[in-house]
Amino acid sequence: MTQLPEAYQRYLDRIGSAHAEALRPVFLESVAEREHGVLIRGAGTHYVQALVDERIPYGEVREEE
């Protein structure tokens, strides 16, 4: 299995397993490219979206509402 950066793993560990599995492919895409971090939109709602964002340094996770 691919090793995730510490911040990615911490984020996935703190959310529910169903959400973590739904968002994991985006984290893996970031790891494969090793260029940009992950933006989480709608954190804390039922409509959470994750995407690789060029404004975020690789290995970082940021949330926006």
PDB file of N, CA and C in Angstrom:
ATOM      1  N   MET A   1       0.844  -1.189   0.000  1.00  0.00           N
ATOM      2  CA  MET A   1       0.000   0.000   0.000  1.00  0.00           C
ATOM      3  C   MET A   1       0.883   1.243   0.000  1.00  0.00           C
ATOM      4  N   THR A   2       0.425   2.279  -0.653  1.00  0.00           N
ATOM      5  CA  THR A   2       1.156   3.534  -0.755  1.00  0.00           C
ATOM      6  C   THR A   2       1.216   4.241   0.592  1.00  0.00           C
ATOM      7  N   GLN A   3       2.393   4.717   0.951  1.00  0.00           N
ATOM      8  CA  GLN A   3       2.576   5.460   2.196  1.00  0.00           C
ATOM      9  C   GLN A   3       2.094   6.892   2.011  1.00  0.00           C
ATOM     10  N   LEU A   4       1.168   7.324   2.845  1.00  0.00           N
ATOM     11  CA  LEU A   4       0.659   8.690   2.783  1.00  0.00           C
ATOM     12  C   LEU A   4       1.497   9.608   3.657  1.00  0.00           C
ATOM     13  N   PRO A   5       1.622  10.889   3.273  1.00  0.00           N
ATOM     14  CA  PRO A   5       2.271  11.846   4.171  1.00  0.00           C
ATOM     15  C   PRO A   5       1.526  11.880   5.512  1.00  0.00           C
ATOM     16  N   GLU A   6       2.234  12.228   6.547  1.00  0.00           N
ATOM     17  CA  GLU A   6       1.676  12.204   7.900  1.00  0.00           C
ATOM     18  C   GLU A   6       0.386  13.023   8.020  1.00  0.00           C
ATOM     19  N   ALA A   7       0.354  14.217   7.436  1.00  0.00           N
ATOM     20  CA  ALA A   7      -0.836  15.069   7.529  1.00  0.00           C
ATOM     21  C   ALA A   7      -2.040  14.412   6.860  1.00  0.00           C
ATOM     22  N   TYR A   8      -1.811  13.727   5.753  1.00  0.00           N
ATOM     23  CA  TYR A   8      -2.904  13.043   5.062  1.00  0.00           C
ATOM     24  C   TYR A   8      -3.461  11.930   5.941  1.00  0.00           C
ATOM     25  N   GLN A   9      -2.579  11.126   6.506  1.00  0.00           N
ATOM     26  CA  GLN A   9      -3.018  10.010   7.333  1.00  0.00           C
ATOM     27  C   GLN A   9      -3.744  10.492   8.578  1.00  0.00           C
ATOM     28  N   ARG A  10      -3.236  11.552   9.202  1.00  0.00           N
ATOM     29  CA  ARG A  10      -3.910  12.117  10.383  1.00  0.00           C
ATOM     30  C   ARG A  10      -5.321  12.568  10.033  1.00  0.00           C
ATOM     31  N   TYR A  11      -5.455  13.244   8.892  1.00  0.00           N
ATOM     32  CA  TYR A  11      -6.774  13.726   8.481  1.00  0.00           C
ATOM     33  C   TYR A  11      -7.726  12.549   8.279  1.00  0.00           C
ATOM     34  N   LEU A  12      -7.307  11.544   7.543  1.00  0.00           N
ATOM     35  CA  LEU A  12      -8.162  10.392   7.280  1.00  0.00           C
ATOM     36  C   LEU A  12      -8.495   9.627   8.555  1.00  0.00           C
ATOM     37  N   ASP A  13      -7.567   9.583   9.492  1.00  0.00           N
ATOM     38  CA  ASP A  13      -7.802   8.875  10.757  1.00  0.00           C
ATOM     39  C   ASP A  13      -8.855   9.565  11.610  1.00  0.00           C
ATOM     40  N   ARG A  14      -8.993  10.874  11.481  1.00  0.00           N
ATOM     41  CA  ARG A  14      -9.911  11.605  12.363  1.00  0.00           C
ATOM     42  C   ARG A  14     -11.332  11.711  11.816  1.00  0.00           C
ATOM     43  N   ILE A  15     -11.531  11.325  10.558  1.00  0.00           N
ATOM     44  CA  ILE A  15     -12.893  11.332  10.015  1.00  0.00           C
ATOM     45  C   ILE A  15     -13.424   9.903  10.003  1.00  0.00           C
ATOM     46  N   GLY A  16     -14.713   9.758   9.834  1.00  0.00           N
ATOM     47  CA  GLY A  16     -15.316   8.424   9.820  1.00  0.00           C
ATOM     48  C   GLY A  16     -14.775   7.572   8.685  1.00  0.00           C
ATOM     49  N   SER A  17     -14.784   6.269   8.877  1.00  0.00           N
ATOM     50  CA  SER A  17     -14.178   5.369   7.900  1.00  0.00           C
ATOM     51  C   SER A  17     -14.851   5.449   6.533  1.00  0.00           C
ATOM     52  N   ALA A  18     -16.163   5.642   6.483  1.00  0.00           N
ATOM     53  CA  ALA A  18     -16.852   5.745   5.192  1.00  0.00           C
ATOM     54  C   ALA A  18     -16.379   6.981   4.435  1.00  0.00           C
ATOM     55  N   HIS A  19     -16.260   8.103   5.139  1.00  0.00           N
ATOM     56  CA  HIS A  19     -15.757   9.326   4.503  1.00  0.00           C
ATOM     57  C   HIS A  19     -14.299   9.148   4.089  1.00  0.00           C
ATOM     58  N   ALA A  20     -13.507   8.539   4.932  1.00  0.00           N
ATOM     59  CA  ALA A  20     -12.088   8.343   4.624  1.00  0.00           C
ATOM     60  C   ALA A  20     -11.921   7.520   3.359  1.00  0.00           C
ATOM     61  N   GLU A  21     -12.692   6.459   3.213  1.00  0.00           N
ATOM     62  CA  GLU A  21     -12.579   5.620   2.021  1.00  0.00           C
ATOM     63  C   GLU A  21     -13.053   6.356   0.775  1.00  0.00           C
ATOM     64  N   ALA A  22     -14.045   7.225   0.917  1.00  0.00           N
ATOM     65  CA  ALA A  22     -14.537   7.997  -0.225  1.00  0.00           C
ATOM     66  C   ALA A  22     -13.513   9.042  -0.679  1.00  0.00           C
ATOM     67  N   LEU A  23     -12.763   9.610   0.263  1.00  0.00           N
ATOM     68  CA  LEU A  23     -11.798  10.665  -0.064  1.00  0.00           C
ATOM     69  C   LEU A  23     -10.402  10.129  -0.386  1.00  0.00           C
ATOM     70  N   ARG A  24     -10.103   8.912   0.039  1.00  0.00           N
ATOM     71  CA  ARG A  24      -8.758   8.346  -0.126  1.00  0.00           C
ATOM     72  C   ARG A  24      -8.223   8.421  -1.564  1.00  0.00           C
ATOM     73  N   PRO A  25      -9.031   8.189  -2.612  1.00  0.00           N
ATOM     74  CA  PRO A  25      -8.472   8.270  -3.972  1.00  0.00           C
ATOM     75  C   PRO A  25      -7.856   9.632  -4.302  1.00  0.00           C
ATOM     76  N   VAL A  26      -8.405  10.696  -3.759  1.00  0.00           N
ATOM     77  CA  VAL A  26      -7.839  12.026  -4.005  1.00  0.00           C
ATOM     78  C   VAL A  26      -6.488  12.158  -3.312  1.00  0.00           C
ATOM     79  N   PHE A  27      -6.375  11.655  -2.101  1.00  0.00           N
ATOM     80  CA  PHE A  27      -5.093  11.684  -1.395  1.00  0.00           C
ATOM     81  C   PHE A  27      -4.059  10.855  -2.155  1.00  0.00           C
ATOM     82  N   LEU A  28      -4.480   9.713  -2.688  1.00  0.00           N
ATOM     83  CA  LEU A  28      -3.559   8.871  -3.456  1.00  0.00           C
ATOM     84  C   LEU A  28      -3.135   9.543  -4.762  1.00  0.00           C
ATOM     85  N   GLU A  29      -4.038  10.292  -5.382  1.00  0.00           N
ATOM     86  CA  GLU A  29      -3.685  11.052  -6.585  1.00  0.00           C
ATOM     87  C   GLU A  29      -2.603  12.077  -6.261  1.00  0.00           C
ATOM     88  N   SER A  30      -2.754  12.770  -5.137  1.00  0.00           N
ATOM     89  CA  SER A  30      -1.756  13.744  -4.712  1.00  0.00           C
ATOM     90  C   SER A  30      -0.406  13.078  -4.486  1.00  0.00           C
ATOM     91  N   VAL A  31      -0.415  11.909  -3.853  1.00  0.00           N
ATOM     92  CA  VAL A  31       0.830  11.178  -3.590  1.00  0.00           C
ATOM     93  C   VAL A  31       1.482  10.748  -4.901  1.00  0.00           C
ATOM     94  N   ALA A  32       0.683  10.308  -5.854  1.00  0.00           N
ATOM     95  CA  ALA A  32       1.233   9.858  -7.137  1.00  0.00           C
ATOM     96  C   ALA A  32       1.919  11.003  -7.882  1.00  0.00           C
ATOM     97  N   GLU A  33       1.317  12.191  -7.809  1.00  0.00           N
ATOM     98  CA  GLU A  33       1.878  13.344  -8.520  1.00  0.00           C
ATOM     99  C   GLU A  33       2.991  14.037  -7.743  1.00  0.00           C
ATOM    100  N   ARG A  34       2.870  14.025  -6.399  1.00  0.00           N
ATOM    101  CA  ARG A  34       3.849  14.667  -5.505  1.00  0.00           C
ATOM    102  C   ARG A  34       4.113  16.133  -5.843  1.00  0.00           C
ATOM    103  N   GLU A  35       3.050  16.833  -6.263  1.00  0.00           N
ATOM    104  CA  GLU A  35       3.208  18.248  -6.604  1.00  0.00           C
ATOM    105  C   GLU A  35       2.334  19.167  -5.765  1.00  0.00           C
ATOM    106  N   HIS A  36       1.096  18.738  -5.477  1.00  0.00           N
ATOM    107  CA  HIS A  36       0.140  19.617  -4.814  1.00  0.00           C
ATOM    108  C   HIS A  36      -0.550  18.895  -3.666  1.00  0.00           C
ATOM    109  N   GLY A  37      -1.071  19.704  -2.728  1.00  0.00           N
ATOM    110  CA  GLY A  37      -1.781  19.170  -1.583  1.00  0.00           C
ATOM    111  C   GLY A  37      -3.263  18.977  -1.862  1.00  0.00           C
ATOM    112  N   VAL A  38      -4.014  18.729  -0.790  1.00  0.00           N
ATOM    113  CA  VAL A  38      -5.436  18.390  -0.901  1.00  0.00           C
ATOM    114  C   VAL A  38      -6.284  19.453  -0.228  1.00  0.00           C
ATOM    115  N   LEU A  39      -7.319  19.882  -0.938  1.00  0.00           N
ATOM    116  CA  LEU A  39      -8.305  20.814  -0.416  1.00  0.00           C
ATOM    117  C   LEU A  39      -9.580  20.035  -0.128  1.00  0.00           C
ATOM    118  N   ILE A  40     -10.146  20.242   1.071  1.00  0.00           N
ATOM    119  CA  ILE A  40     -11.406  19.624   1.458  1.00  0.00           C
ATOM    120  C   ILE A  40     -12.449  20.731   1.518  1.00  0.00           C
ATOM    121  N   ARG A  41     -13.483  20.601   0.712  1.00  0.00           N
ATOM    122  CA  ARG A  41     -14.584  21.578   0.715  1.00  0.00           C
ATOM    123  C   ARG A  41     -15.782  20.978   1.426  1.00  0.00           C
ATOM    124  N   GLY A  42     -16.483  21.819   2.194  1.00  0.00           N
ATOM    125  CA  GLY A  42     -17.697  21.368   2.859  1.00  0.00           C
ATOM    126  C   GLY A  42     -17.448  20.486   4.062  1.00  0.00           C
ATOM    127  N   ALA A  43     -16.265  20.614   4.668  1.00  0.00           N
ATOM    128  CA  ALA A  43     -15.943  19.794   5.843  1.00  0.00           C
ATOM    129  C   ALA A  43     -17.006  19.991   6.922  1.00  0.00           C
ATOM    130  N   GLY A  44     -17.445  18.896   7.511  1.00  0.00           N
ATOM    131  CA  GLY A  44     -18.449  18.950   8.567  1.00  0.00           C
ATOM    132  C   GLY A  44     -19.877  18.940   8.037  1.00  0.00           C
ATOM    133  N   THR A  45     -20.044  18.821   6.720  1.00  0.00           N
ATOM    134  CA  THR A  45     -21.382  18.749   6.140  1.00  0.00           C
ATOM    135  C   THR A  45     -21.567  17.376   5.494  1.00  0.00           C
ATOM    136  N   HIS A  46     -22.722  17.171   4.923  1.00  0.00           N
ATOM    137  CA  HIS A  46     -22.981  15.907   4.221  1.00  0.00           C
ATOM    138  C   HIS A  46     -22.442  15.927   2.798  1.00  0.00           C
ATOM    139  N   TYR A  47     -21.979  17.085   2.338  1.00  0.00           N
ATOM    140  CA  TYR A  47     -21.521  17.244   0.959  1.00  0.00           C
ATOM    141  C   TYR A  47     -20.046  17.614   0.932  1.00  0.00           C
ATOM    142  N   VAL A  48     -19.202  16.680   1.297  1.00  0.00           N
ATOM    143  CA  VAL A  48     -17.765  16.902   1.369  1.00  0.00           C
ATOM    144  C   VAL A  48     -17.146  16.557   0.018  1.00  0.00           C
ATOM    145  N   GLN A  49     -16.234  17.411  -0.418  1.00  0.00           N
ATOM    146  CA  GLN A  49     -15.534  17.199  -1.676  1.00  0.00           C
ATOM    147  C   GLN A  49     -14.050  17.374  -1.417  1.00  0.00           C
ATOM    148  N   ALA A  50     -13.250  16.508  -1.990  1.00  0.00           N
ATOM    149  CA  ALA A  50     -11.789  16.621  -1.885  1.00  0.00           C
ATOM    150  C   ALA A  50     -11.224  16.760  -3.287  1.00  0.00           C
ATOM    151  N   LEU A  51     -10.193  17.595  -3.419  1.00  0.00           N
ATOM    152  CA  LEU A  51      -9.527  17.741  -4.702  1.00  0.00           C
ATOM    153  C   LEU A  51      -8.075  18.117  -4.498  1.00  0.00           C
ATOM    154  N   VAL A  52      -7.256  17.731  -5.460  1.00  0.00           N
ATOM    155  CA  VAL A  52      -5.852  18.146  -5.461  1.00  0.00           C
ATOM    156  C   VAL A  52      -5.857  19.596  -5.918  1.00  0.00           C
ATOM    157  N   ASP A  53      -5.209  20.466  -5.143  1.00  0.00           N
ATOM    158  CA  ASP A  53      -5.252  21.907  -5.416  1.00  0.00           C
ATOM    159  C   ASP A  53      -3.841  22.455  -5.573  1.00  0.00           C
ATOM    160  N   GLU A  54      -3.590  23.108  -6.685  1.00  0.00           N
ATOM    161  CA  GLU A  54      -2.246  23.618  -6.976  1.00  0.00           C
ATOM    162  C   GLU A  54      -1.813  24.730  -6.029  1.00  0.00           C
ATOM    163  N   ARG A  55      -2.738  25.329  -5.284  1.00  0.00           N
ATOM    164  CA  ARG A  55      -2.386  26.384  -4.322  1.00  0.00           C
ATOM    165  C   ARG A  55      -1.856  25.824  -3.004  1.00  0.00           C
ATOM    166  N   ILE A  56      -1.993  24.521  -2.806  1.00  0.00           N
ATOM    167  CA  ILE A  56      -1.615  23.900  -1.542  1.00  0.00           C
ATOM    168  C   ILE A  56      -0.352  23.071  -1.748  1.00  0.00           C
ATOM    169  N   PRO A  57       0.662  23.285  -0.908  1.00  0.00           N
ATOM    170  CA  PRO A  57       1.896  22.505  -1.041  1.00  0.00           C
ATOM    171  C   PRO A  57       1.652  21.015  -0.810  1.00  0.00           C
ATOM    172  N   TYR A  58       2.402  20.204  -1.525  1.00  0.00           N
ATOM    173  CA  TYR A  58       2.298  18.748  -1.364  1.00  0.00           C
ATOM    174  C   TYR A  58       2.475  18.364   0.101  1.00  0.00           C
ATOM    175  N   GLY A  59       1.635  17.443   0.555  1.00  0.00           N
ATOM    176  CA  GLY A  59       1.716  16.939   1.920  1.00  0.00           C
ATOM    177  C   GLY A  59       0.835  17.678   2.906  1.00  0.00           C
ATOM    178  N   GLU A  60       0.172  18.756   2.452  1.00  0.00           N
ATOM    179  CA  GLU A  60      -0.713  19.524   3.332  1.00  0.00           C
ATOM    180  C   GLU A  60      -2.166  19.294   2.971  1.00  0.00           C
ATOM    181  N   VAL A  61      -3.023  19.406   3.992  1.00  0.00           N
ATOM    182  CA  VAL A  61      -4.474  19.317   3.810  1.00  0.00           C
ATOM    183  C   VAL A  61      -5.052  20.613   4.348  1.00  0.00           C
ATOM    184  N   ARG A  62      -5.934  21.229   3.575  1.00  0.00           N
ATOM    185  CA  ARG A  62      -6.637  22.438   4.031  1.00  0.00           C
ATOM    186  C   ARG A  62      -8.125  22.238   3.847  1.00  0.00           C
ATOM    187  N   GLU A  63      -8.882  22.821   4.764  1.00  0.00           N
ATOM    188  CA  GLU A  63     -10.335  22.745   4.698  1.00  0.00           C
ATOM    189  C   GLU A  63     -10.902  24.114   4.407  1.00  0.00           C
ATOM    190  N   GLU A  64     -11.976  24.139   3.632  1.00  0.00           N
ATOM    191  CA  GLU A  64     -12.744  25.362   3.453  1.00  0.00           C
ATOM    192  C   GLU A  64     -14.212  24.984   3.514  1.00  0.00           C
ATOM    193  N   GLU A  65     -14.991  25.903   3.998  1.00  0.00           N
ATOM    194  CA  GLU A  65     -16.425  25.615   4.165  1.00  0.00           C
ATOM    195  C   GLU A  65     -17.207  26.037   2.964  1.00  0.00           C
TER     196      GLU A  65
END
